[in-house]
C-alpha atoms as a PDB file:
ATOM      1  CA  MET A   1      23.512  13.238  16.382  1.00  0.00           C
ATOM      2  CA  THR A   2      20.242  11.402  17.011  1.00  0.00           C
ATOM      3  CA  ALA A   3      17.024  13.228  17.707  1.00  0.00           C
ATOM      4  CA  THR A   4      14.589  11.935  20.277  1.00  0.00           C
ATOM      5  CA  MET A   5      11.058  11.239  19.190  1.00  0.00           C
ATOM      6  CA  LYS A   6       8.281  13.545  20.417  1.00  0.00           C
ATOM      7  CA  TYR A   7       5.810  10.654  20.488  1.00  0.00           C
ATOM      8  CA  THR A   8       6.215   7.283  22.179  1.00  0.00           C
ATOM      9  CA  SER A   9       5.657   4.026  20.350  1.00  0.00           C
ATOM     10  CA  LYS A  10       2.673   3.346  22.621  1.00  0.00           C
ATOM     11  CA  GLN A  11       1.071   6.688  21.724  1.00  0.00           C
ATOM     12  CA  ILE A  12       1.631   6.218  17.985  1.00  0.00           C
ATOM     13  CA  ASN A  13       0.175   2.701  17.990  1.00  0.00           C
ATOM     14  CA  ARG A  14      -2.786   3.918  20.064  1.00  0.00           C
ATOM     15  CA  ASP A  15      -3.657   6.742  17.657  1.00  0.00           C
ATOM     16  CA  TRP A  16      -2.696   5.478  14.186  1.00  0.00           C
ATOM     17  CA  ARG A  17      -2.629   2.522  11.821  1.00  0.00           C
ATOM     18  CA  ILE A  18       0.399   2.906   9.563  1.00  0.00           C
ATOM     19  CA  LYS A  19       0.111   1.469   6.053  1.00  0.00           C
ATOM     20  CA  VAL A  20       3.113   1.366   3.714  1.00  0.00           C
ATOM     21  CA  ASP A  21       2.975   0.958  -0.051  1.00  0.00           C
ATOM     22  CA  GLY A  22       5.949   0.895  -2.418  1.00  0.00           C
ATOM     23  CA  MET A  23       9.245  -0.888  -2.924  1.00  0.00           C
ATOM     24  CA  THR A  24      12.054  -1.641  -0.471  1.00  0.00           C
ATOM     25  CA  GLU A  25      15.719  -1.150  -1.298  1.00  0.00           C
ATOM     26  CA  ASP A  26      15.927  -4.913  -2.027  1.00  0.00           C
ATOM     27  CA  GLY A  27      13.225  -4.611  -4.685  1.00  0.00           C
ATOM     28  CA  GLN A  28      10.499  -6.291  -2.610  1.00  0.00           C
ATOM     29  CA  ARG A  29       6.958  -4.952  -2.989  1.00  0.00           C
ATOM     30  CA  LEU A  30       5.315  -3.529   0.144  1.00  0.00           C
ATOM     31  CA  HIS A  31       1.591  -3.152   0.724  1.00  0.00           C
ATOM     32  CA  THR A  32       1.069  -3.788   4.414  1.00  0.00           C
ATOM     33  CA  LEU A  33       0.359  -2.386   7.852  1.00  0.00           C
ATOM     34  CA  MET A  34       3.530  -1.720   9.788  1.00  0.00           C
ATOM     35  CA  GLY A  35       4.525  -1.064  13.394  1.00  0.00           C
ATOM     36  CA  VAL A  36       6.674   1.760  14.670  1.00  0.00           C
ATOM     37  CA  SER A  37       9.955  -0.182  14.675  1.00  0.00           C
ATOM     38  CA  GLY A  38       9.356  -1.409  11.111  1.00  0.00           C
ATOM     39  CA  ILE A  39       8.615   2.053   9.763  1.00  0.00           C
ATOM     40  CA  ILE A  40      11.707   3.467  11.511  1.00  0.00           C
ATOM     41  CA  ALA A  41      13.825   0.770   9.860  1.00  0.00           C
ATOM     42  CA  LEU A  42      12.288   1.604   6.469  1.00  0.00           C
ATOM     43  CA  ILE A  43      12.279   5.425   6.395  1.00  0.00           C
ATOM     44  CA  GLY A  44      14.234   6.548   9.484  1.00  0.00           C
ATOM     45  CA  GLU A  45      13.364   8.541  12.592  1.00  0.00           C
ATOM     46  CA  ALA A  46      13.620  11.971  10.979  1.00  0.00           C
ATOM     47  CA  PHE A  47      11.044  11.246   8.276  1.00  0.00           C
ATOM     48  CA  LEU A  48       8.764   9.446  10.740  1.00  0.00           C
ATOM     49  CA  GLN A  49       8.847  12.459  13.072  1.00  0.00           C
ATOM     50  CA  LYS A  50       8.057  14.812  10.176  1.00  0.00           C
ATOM     51  CA  PHE A  51       5.209  12.595   8.947  1.00  0.00           C
ATOM     52  CA  LEU A  52       3.748  12.188  12.454  1.00  0.00           C
ATOM     53  CA  ASP A  53       3.754  15.953  12.999  1.00  0.00           C
ATOM     54  CA  ARG A  54       1.863  16.314   9.724  1.00  0.00           C
ATOM     55  CA  ALA A  55      -0.600  13.550  10.675  1.00  0.00           C
ATOM     56  CA  TYR A  56      -1.298  14.951  14.148  1.00  0.00           C
ATOM     57  CA  ASP A  57      -1.825  18.466  12.712  1.00  0.00           C
ATOM     58  CA  SER A  58      -4.212  17.095  10.090  1.00  0.00           C
ATOM     59  CA  MET A  59      -7.889  16.997  10.932  1.00  0.00           C
ATOM     60  CA  ALA A  60      -8.676  14.256   8.397  1.00  0.00           C
ATOM     61  CA  ASP A  61      -9.261  10.539   8.998  1.00  0.00           C
ATOM     62  CA  SER A  62      -6.146   9.704   6.990  1.00  0.00           C
ATOM     63  CA  CYS A  63      -2.923  11.460   6.093  1.00  0.00           C
ATOM     64  CA  THR A  64      -0.837  10.329   3.119  1.00  0.00           C
ATOM     65  CA  CYS A  65       2.884  11.137   2.958  1.00  0.00           C
ATOM     66  CA  LYS A  66       5.027  10.309  -0.061  1.00  0.00           C
ATOM     67  CA  LEU A  67       8.764   9.922  -0.445  1.00  0.00           C
ATOM     68  CA  ARG A  68      10.591  10.564  -3.704  1.00  0.00           C
ATOM     69  CA  ARG A  69      11.808   6.986  -3.827  1.00  0.00           C
ATOM     70  CA  GLY A  70       8.239   5.780  -4.321  1.00  0.00           C
ATOM     71  CA  VAL A  71       7.305   4.808  -0.775  1.00  0.00           C
ATOM     72  CA  VAL A  72       3.851   5.991   0.300  1.00  0.00           C
ATOM     73  CA  VAL A  73       3.059   6.055   4.024  1.00  0.00           C
ATOM     74  CA  THR A  74      -0.573   6.512   5.056  1.00  0.00           C
ATOM     75  CA  PHE A  75      -1.638   7.164   8.637  1.00  0.00           C
ATOM     76  CA  TYR A  76      -5.208   6.101   9.424  1.00  0.00           C
ATOM     77  CA  ALA A  77      -6.749   7.527  12.615  1.00  0.00           C
ATOM     78  CA  LYS A  78      -8.217   4.977  15.004  1.00  0.00           C
END
């Protein structure tokens, strides 16, 4: 069962810069800005939805979300 996203790709890219830091499953080091499709491929729609809800509820300029596998996703407000 796939869940639909509450936010469109256009809305996410308009409001946020998404920076990813950590390691991929292949062992490659990540430290880069990423688009919506890239972050979905890396962490999945469920985690992205959860992280976006947290970022939109936050009143700060940036919101950092961490996964147990060592991937850190930071949302910077535009």
